[in-house]
Amino acid sequence: QVQLVESGGGSVQAGGSLTLSCADSEKTYSTNCMAWFRQAPGKEREAVAAIYTDGGSSPNYADSVKGRFTISQAGAKNTVYLQMNSLKPEDTGMYYCAARRGGTCDWQWPKSLVYFYWGQGTQVTVSS
């Protein structure tokens, strides 16, 4: 059973950086598309970035984070990172790791309904 565990959230001032981590703690290696979503209070959950861990496909990014955020994977395919630079107050929210198995992450991007596995979330707060 896939168990996604996020870490790395926290509070930072605008312009700062944070790195989030997500790992399949059970090391099932049964997923090949891992993504980050976020949800701010009173707003819908939105996709941030996704990476196809089988390789051969470029990562997906929301327009609002392109050039500032980078999603990457560790050598072990069950761990992904989200490097967040030049953070803005509007980046504040609960960040969730999600995963699924199937085709590349392009399929149905940026819909959240296609992701079967979800972590508990890690809070990111950016102050101005």
Protein backbone atom coordinates (compact mmCIF):
# COMPACT_ATOMS: atom_id res chain seq x y z
CA GLN A 1 0.00 0.00 0.00
CA VAL A 2 1.42 3.37 -1.03
CA GLN A 3 1.93 5.71 1.93
CA LEU A 4 3.00 9.21 0.96
CA VAL A 5 4.80 11.22 3.61
CA GLU A 6 5.56 14.90 3.09
CA SER A 7 8.07 17.03 4.94
CA GLY A 8 9.83 20.37 4.66
CA GLY A 9 7.03 22.86 5.11
CA GLY A 10 7.39 25.93 7.31
CA SER A 11 7.23 29.69 7.49
CA VAL A 12 9.38 31.97 5.40
CA GLN A 13 9.43 35.59 4.32
CA ALA A 14 8.63 36.61 0.78
CA GLY A 15 11.58 36.00 -1.51
CA GLY A 16 12.77 33.07 0.54
CA SER A 17 13.05 29.40 -0.32
CA LEU A 18 11.79 26.07 0.94
CA THR A 19 12.23 22.50 -0.21
CA LEU A 20 9.45 19.97 0.24
CA SER A 21 10.01 16.22 0.17
CA CYS A 22 7.60 13.41 -0.51
CA ALA A 23 8.37 9.74 -0.13
CA ASP A 24 6.45 6.53 -0.48
CA SER A 25 7.34 5.30 2.96
CA GLU A 26 6.40 1.71 2.10
CA LYS A 27 8.73 1.77 -0.93
CA THR A 28 6.17 0.02 -3.06
CA TYR A 29 7.52 1.59 -6.27
CA SER A 30 4.04 1.10 -7.66
CA THR A 31 3.52 4.66 -8.89
CA ASN A 32 5.15 6.52 -11.75
CA CYS A 33 3.57 9.99 -11.68
CA MET A 34 4.09 12.04 -8.54
CA ALA A 35 2.73 15.54 -8.10
CA TRP A 36 2.36 18.43 -5.72
CA PHE A 37 -0.92 20.18 -5.16
CA ARG A 38 -1.72 23.06 -2.82
CA GLN A 39 -4.78 24.49 -1.20
CA ALA A 40 -5.12 27.92 0.35
CA PRO A 41 -7.87 28.69 2.86
CA GLY A 42 -11.18 29.20 1.09
CA LYS A 43 -9.79 28.15 -2.27
CA GLU A 44 -9.88 25.00 -4.34
CA ARG A 45 -6.96 22.62 -4.47
CA GLU A 46 -4.70 23.40 -7.41
CA ALA A 47 -1.90 21.57 -9.15
CA VAL A 48 1.60 22.90 -8.67
CA ALA A 49 3.95 20.46 -10.39
CA ALA A 50 4.22 16.84 -11.47
CA ILE A 51 7.00 14.51 -12.54
CA TYR A 52 6.95 11.21 -14.40
CA THR A 53 9.34 9.05 -12.42
CA ASP A 54 9.84 6.51 -15.22
CA GLY A 55 11.66 9.22 -17.14
CA GLY A 56 11.42 10.44 -20.71
CA SER A 57 8.90 13.20 -20.05
CA SER A 58 9.38 16.80 -18.95
CA PRO A 59 7.85 17.88 -15.63
CA ASN A 60 4.58 19.76 -15.56
CA TYR A 61 4.22 23.13 -13.81
CA ALA A 62 1.42 25.52 -13.06
CA ASP A 63 1.94 28.83 -14.82
CA SER A 64 2.05 30.61 -11.46
CA VAL A 65 5.18 28.74 -10.35
CA LYS A 66 7.13 28.34 -13.60
CA GLY A 67 10.65 29.65 -13.21
CA ARG A 68 10.41 29.63 -9.42
CA PHE A 69 9.64 26.02 -8.47
CA THR A 70 11.47 22.88 -9.53
CA ILE A 71 10.22 19.34 -9.07
CA SER A 72 12.79 16.55 -9.08
CA GLN A 73 13.20 12.96 -8.00
CA ALA A 74 15.80 11.23 -5.95
CA GLY A 75 17.68 8.23 -7.30
CA ALA A 76 15.00 6.14 -5.67
CA LYS A 77 11.88 6.68 -7.74
CA ASN A 78 9.68 6.79 -4.70
CA THR A 79 10.97 10.18 -3.50
CA VAL A 80 10.36 13.56 -5.07
CA TYR A 81 11.28 17.09 -4.07
CA LEU A 82 9.78 20.49 -4.71
CA GLN A 83 12.33 23.27 -4.56
CA MET A 84 10.50 26.56 -4.09
CA ASN A 85 12.38 29.80 -4.67
CA SER A 86 11.30 33.44 -4.74
CA LEU A 87 8.30 32.56 -2.63
CA LYS A 88 5.34 34.92 -2.59
CA PRO A 89 2.54 35.34 -0.04
CA GLU A 90 0.15 33.84 -2.57
CA ASP A 91 2.15 30.60 -2.38
CA THR A 92 0.82 30.12 1.15
CA GLY A 93 -1.22 26.98 1.64
CA MET A 94 -1.26 23.32 2.52
CA TYR A 95 0.90 21.40 0.09
CA TYR A 96 -0.08 17.83 -0.72
CA CYS A 97 1.89 15.12 -2.43
CA ALA A 98 -0.08 12.87 -4.77
CA ALA A 99 0.77 9.85 -6.85
CA ARG A 100 -0.71 7.47 -9.39
CA ARG A 101 0.37 4.83 -11.82
CA GLY A 102 -0.40 5.14 -15.51
CA GLY A 103 0.79 7.14 -18.47
CA THR A 104 2.86 10.28 -18.28
CA CYS A 105 1.81 13.12 -16.01
CA ASP A 106 0.63 15.04 -19.10
CA TRP A 107 -2.49 12.89 -19.06
CA GLN A 108 -5.31 14.85 -17.45
CA TRP A 109 -2.90 17.52 -16.12
CA PRO A 110 -3.70 19.48 -13.93
CA LYS A 111 -6.72 17.54 -12.65
CA SER A 112 -6.48 16.17 -9.13
CA LEU A 113 -9.13 13.46 -9.51
CA VAL A 114 -6.78 11.15 -11.41
CA TYR A 115 -4.43 10.82 -8.46
CA PHE A 116 -5.27 7.87 -6.24
CA TYR A 117 -2.73 8.28 -3.46
CA TRP A 118 -2.42 11.38 -1.27
CA GLY A 119 -0.28 12.47 1.64
CA GLN A 120 -1.49 14.32 4.72
CA GLY A 121 -0.04 17.64 3.63
CA THR A 122 2.58 20.06 4.89
CA GLN A 123 1.90 23.73 5.58
CA VAL A 124 3.78 26.49 3.78
CA THR A 125 3.34 30.05 5.01
CA VAL A 126 4.93 33.00 3.22
CA SER A 127 4.78 36.36 4.93
CA SER A 128 5.17 39.70 3.22
